[in-house]
Amino acid sequence: MHWLYLGVAILFETIGTTALKASDGMTRLGPALIVVAAYILSFWLLALVLRVIPVGVAYAIWAGLGICLIAGIGWVLFGQRLDMPALIGIGLIIAGIVVINLFSKTVGH
């Protein structure tokens, strides 16, 4: 169940960060309320995950996947371009998450 919580926490973090961009510096009430609600839910779920998964591993996965998802959302929704170094960096983040999940003994499967 902790992996599901982590996935949903990442989803809410991604929603919150997307709404943060849409809030125009927290000047638009609707997106600003989504930011607050999504971050509260994300951190609450992450806190539940930390009961089972070590903080360094959970945070690396949460932050890493969040970065990759937000980069993709920025590209698709906001027209933000990703150059080759950015794409390589995102690929390395994904590779790091895969290595943690496949080879780390600190992650309980």
Protein backbone atom coordinates (compact mmCIF):
# COMPACT_ATOMS: atom_id res chain seq x y z
CA MET A 1 0.00 0.00 0.00
CA HIS A 2 2.94 2.35 0.64
CA TRP A 3 3.88 2.30 -3.08
CA LEU A 4 0.35 3.36 -3.98
CA TYR A 5 0.57 6.19 -1.41
CA LEU A 6 3.88 7.28 -2.89
CA GLY A 7 2.43 7.29 -6.41
CA VAL A 8 -0.57 9.35 -5.32
CA ALA A 9 1.72 11.72 -3.36
CA ILE A 10 3.72 12.27 -6.56
CA LEU A 11 0.49 12.87 -8.47
CA PHE A 12 -0.68 15.51 -5.97
CA GLU A 13 2.76 17.16 -5.94
CA THR A 14 2.61 17.36 -9.74
CA ILE A 15 -0.91 18.81 -9.65
CA GLY A 16 0.19 21.34 -7.03
CA THR A 17 3.21 22.47 -9.00
CA THR A 18 1.19 22.73 -12.22
CA ALA A 19 -1.38 24.84 -10.38
CA LEU A 20 1.46 26.94 -8.95
CA LYS A 21 2.42 27.94 -12.48
CA ALA A 22 -1.22 28.58 -13.34
CA SER A 23 -1.72 30.68 -10.17
CA ASP A 24 0.37 33.50 -11.68
CA GLY A 25 2.39 34.13 -8.54
CA MET A 26 -0.47 33.06 -6.25
CA THR A 27 -2.63 35.95 -7.55
CA ARG A 28 -5.39 33.72 -8.98
CA LEU A 29 -7.55 32.27 -6.21
CA GLY A 30 -8.68 29.03 -7.87
CA PRO A 31 -5.24 27.73 -8.81
CA ALA A 32 -3.80 29.01 -5.51
CA LEU A 33 -6.33 26.95 -3.55
CA ILE A 34 -5.45 23.90 -5.66
CA VAL A 35 -1.75 24.48 -4.83
CA VAL A 36 -2.41 24.48 -1.10
CA ALA A 37 -4.75 21.48 -1.14
CA ALA A 38 -2.54 19.40 -3.44
CA TYR A 39 0.63 20.08 -1.43
CA ILE A 40 -1.11 19.26 1.86
CA LEU A 41 -2.33 15.94 0.44
CA SER A 42 1.05 15.20 -1.13
CA PHE A 43 3.02 15.80 2.07
CA TRP A 44 0.49 13.88 4.17
CA LEU A 45 0.77 10.85 1.89
CA LEU A 46 4.56 11.18 1.79
CA ALA A 47 4.56 11.21 5.60
CA LEU A 48 2.62 7.93 5.60
CA VAL A 49 5.13 6.44 3.14
CA LEU A 50 8.01 7.40 5.43
CA ARG A 51 6.70 4.93 8.01
CA VAL A 52 7.87 2.13 5.70
CA ILE A 53 10.37 3.47 3.14
CA PRO A 54 13.56 5.24 4.27
CA VAL A 55 13.32 9.02 3.90
CA GLY A 56 16.23 9.32 1.45
CA VAL A 57 14.82 6.71 -0.90
CA ALA A 58 11.21 7.91 -0.68
CA TYR A 59 12.19 11.53 -1.22
CA ALA A 60 14.49 10.67 -4.13
CA ILE A 61 11.65 8.85 -5.89
CA TRP A 62 9.05 11.51 -4.98
CA ALA A 63 11.19 14.43 -6.07
CA GLY A 64 12.75 12.70 -9.08
CA LEU A 65 9.50 11.56 -10.64
CA GLY A 66 7.92 14.91 -9.79
CA ILE A 67 10.73 16.71 -11.65
CA CYS A 68 10.30 14.51 -14.70
CA LEU A 69 6.53 14.85 -14.75
CA ILE A 70 6.63 18.63 -14.29
CA ALA A 71 9.20 18.98 -17.06
CA GLY A 72 6.86 17.07 -19.36
CA ILE A 73 3.83 19.10 -18.27
CA GLY A 74 5.76 22.33 -18.78
CA TRP A 75 6.62 21.20 -22.27
CA VAL A 76 3.11 20.08 -23.20
CA LEU A 77 0.88 22.59 -21.38
CA PHE A 78 3.06 25.68 -21.13
CA GLY A 79 5.17 25.35 -24.28
CA GLN A 80 8.44 25.30 -22.35
CA ARG A 81 11.21 23.81 -24.48
CA LEU A 82 13.57 21.10 -23.28
CA ASP A 83 17.01 21.11 -24.85
CA MET A 84 19.28 18.07 -25.14
CA PRO A 85 21.09 18.63 -21.80
CA ALA A 86 17.70 18.88 -20.06
CA LEU A 87 16.51 15.66 -21.70
CA ILE A 88 19.73 13.88 -20.77
CA GLY A 89 19.38 15.09 -17.17
CA ILE A 90 15.79 13.87 -17.00
CA GLY A 91 16.91 10.53 -18.41
CA LEU A 92 19.56 10.29 -15.69
CA ILE A 93 16.97 11.03 -13.01
CA ILE A 94 14.78 8.23 -14.34
CA ALA A 95 17.79 5.91 -14.51
CA GLY A 96 18.59 6.72 -10.88
CA ILE A 97 15.06 5.87 -9.79
CA VAL A 98 15.22 2.58 -11.69
CA VAL A 99 18.56 1.71 -10.06
CA ILE A 100 17.16 2.45 -6.60
CA ASN A 101 14.11 0.27 -7.21
CA LEU A 102 15.92 -2.64 -8.83
CA PHE A 103 19.13 -2.86 -6.84
CA SER A 104 18.82 -1.08 -3.50
CA LYS A 105 18.39 -3.29 -0.46
CA THR A 106 16.87 -0.35 1.47
CA VAL A 107 13.65 -0.48 -0.57
CA GLY A 108 11.18 -3.10 0.57
CA HIS A 109 9.20 -4.57 -2.33
